[in-house]
Amino acid sequence: MPTENKSNGSGRRAKASAGGSEVIYNRIAVLRAERGVSRRALAEALGVHYQTVGYLERGEYSPSLHLAMRIARYFEVPVEVVFSTEPFPRIGQ
């Protein structure tokens, strides 16, 4: 299936199918920065490779439902605070 890159409004790119219905936006980088958590520390806590966290943050990889829920639990927020099918509003707007 062909893919295209779409901007999510924060400078991050998210991959989508040609129909555009598979774009998953996320706030992982924002949540990490707010809490002072490195990619490596988050990856270790989740049991994934640190590069996986980078792929997730850039929208190059969509997490499984299980991983998405583990990420939300790590940050102690509902999953919809971390992930969305719509772009998140830019901070300060």
Protein backbone atom coordinates (compact mmCIF):
# COMPACT_ATOMS: atom_id res chain seq x y z
CA MET A 1 0.00 0.00 0.00
CA PRO A 2 1.52 3.40 -0.93
CA THR A 3 2.22 5.86 1.83
CA GLU A 4 2.59 9.58 2.00
CA ASN A 5 3.98 11.85 4.68
CA LYS A 6 1.70 14.39 6.31
CA SER A 7 2.68 17.16 8.68
CA ASN A 8 1.02 17.06 12.09
CA GLY A 9 1.38 20.78 12.72
CA SER A 10 4.31 20.44 15.12
CA GLY A 11 7.01 19.87 12.53
CA ARG A 12 6.73 16.12 13.04
CA ARG A 13 5.75 13.96 10.10
CA ALA A 14 3.25 11.14 10.28
CA LYS A 15 2.92 8.39 7.69
CA ALA A 16 -0.48 7.76 6.22
CA SER A 17 -1.97 5.34 3.78
CA ALA A 18 -3.12 6.77 0.48
CA GLY A 19 -6.59 7.15 2.05
CA GLY A 20 -5.17 9.08 5.02
CA SER A 21 -7.10 7.07 7.60
CA GLU A 22 -4.08 5.55 9.35
CA VAL A 23 -2.35 8.70 10.62
CA ILE A 24 -1.70 8.57 14.35
CA TYR A 25 -0.40 11.75 15.93
CA ASN A 26 1.31 11.71 19.31
CA ARG A 27 2.68 13.88 22.09
CA ILE A 28 5.41 11.52 23.27
CA ALA A 29 8.23 14.03 22.74
CA VAL A 30 6.30 16.76 24.57
CA LEU A 31 5.51 14.48 27.50
CA ARG A 32 9.13 13.30 27.69
CA ALA A 33 10.43 16.88 27.62
CA GLU A 34 7.98 18.05 30.30
CA ARG A 35 9.13 15.26 32.59
CA GLY A 36 12.83 15.31 31.71
CA VAL A 37 12.79 11.70 30.47
CA SER A 38 15.31 10.59 27.85
CA ARG A 39 14.41 8.34 24.94
CA ARG A 40 16.58 5.63 26.44
CA ALA A 41 14.91 5.86 29.85
CA LEU A 42 11.44 5.68 28.29
CA ALA A 43 12.49 2.78 26.06
CA GLU A 44 13.89 0.85 29.03
CA ALA A 45 10.70 1.41 31.03
CA LEU A 46 8.60 0.19 28.09
CA GLY A 47 10.88 -2.71 27.15
CA VAL A 48 11.54 -1.43 23.62
CA HIS A 49 14.66 -0.25 21.76
CA TYR A 50 15.39 3.47 22.17
CA GLN A 51 15.16 3.91 18.39
CA THR A 52 11.56 2.71 18.57
CA VAL A 53 10.75 5.72 20.73
CA GLY A 54 12.29 7.97 18.05
CA TYR A 55 10.27 6.26 15.31
CA LEU A 56 7.10 6.73 17.36
CA GLU A 57 7.83 10.40 18.05
CA ARG A 58 8.45 11.13 14.37
CA GLY A 59 5.31 9.28 13.28
CA GLU A 60 7.35 6.72 11.35
CA TYR A 61 5.83 3.88 13.36
CA SER A 62 2.38 3.47 14.90
CA PRO A 63 2.36 1.57 18.18
CA SER A 64 0.30 -1.50 18.87
CA LEU A 65 -2.66 -0.90 21.14
CA HIS A 66 -0.76 -2.63 23.94
CA LEU A 67 2.30 -0.38 23.54
CA ALA A 68 0.12 2.74 23.28
CA MET A 69 -1.56 1.85 26.57
CA ARG A 70 1.79 1.17 28.24
CA ILE A 71 3.06 4.58 27.10
CA ALA A 72 -0.03 6.31 28.50
CA ARG A 73 0.31 4.39 31.77
CA TYR A 74 4.00 5.37 32.01
CA PHE A 75 3.06 9.06 31.76
CA GLU A 76 -0.01 8.53 33.97
CA VAL A 77 -2.41 10.05 31.46
CA PRO A 78 -5.31 8.70 29.38
CA VAL A 79 -4.22 7.23 26.04
CA GLU A 80 -6.05 10.01 24.15
CA VAL A 81 -3.75 12.58 25.80
CA VAL A 82 -0.81 10.86 24.09
CA PHE A 83 -2.35 9.71 20.78
CA SER A 84 -4.92 11.10 18.38
CA THR A 85 -6.17 10.60 14.84
CA GLU A 86 -6.37 14.42 14.53
CA PRO A 87 -3.40 16.78 14.76
CA PHE A 88 -2.88 18.23 18.21
CA PRO A 89 -3.17 22.02 18.46
CA ARG A 90 0.18 23.74 18.61
CA ILE A 91 1.20 24.90 22.05
CA GLY A 92 0.64 28.63 22.44
CA GLN A 93 -2.17 28.86 19.90
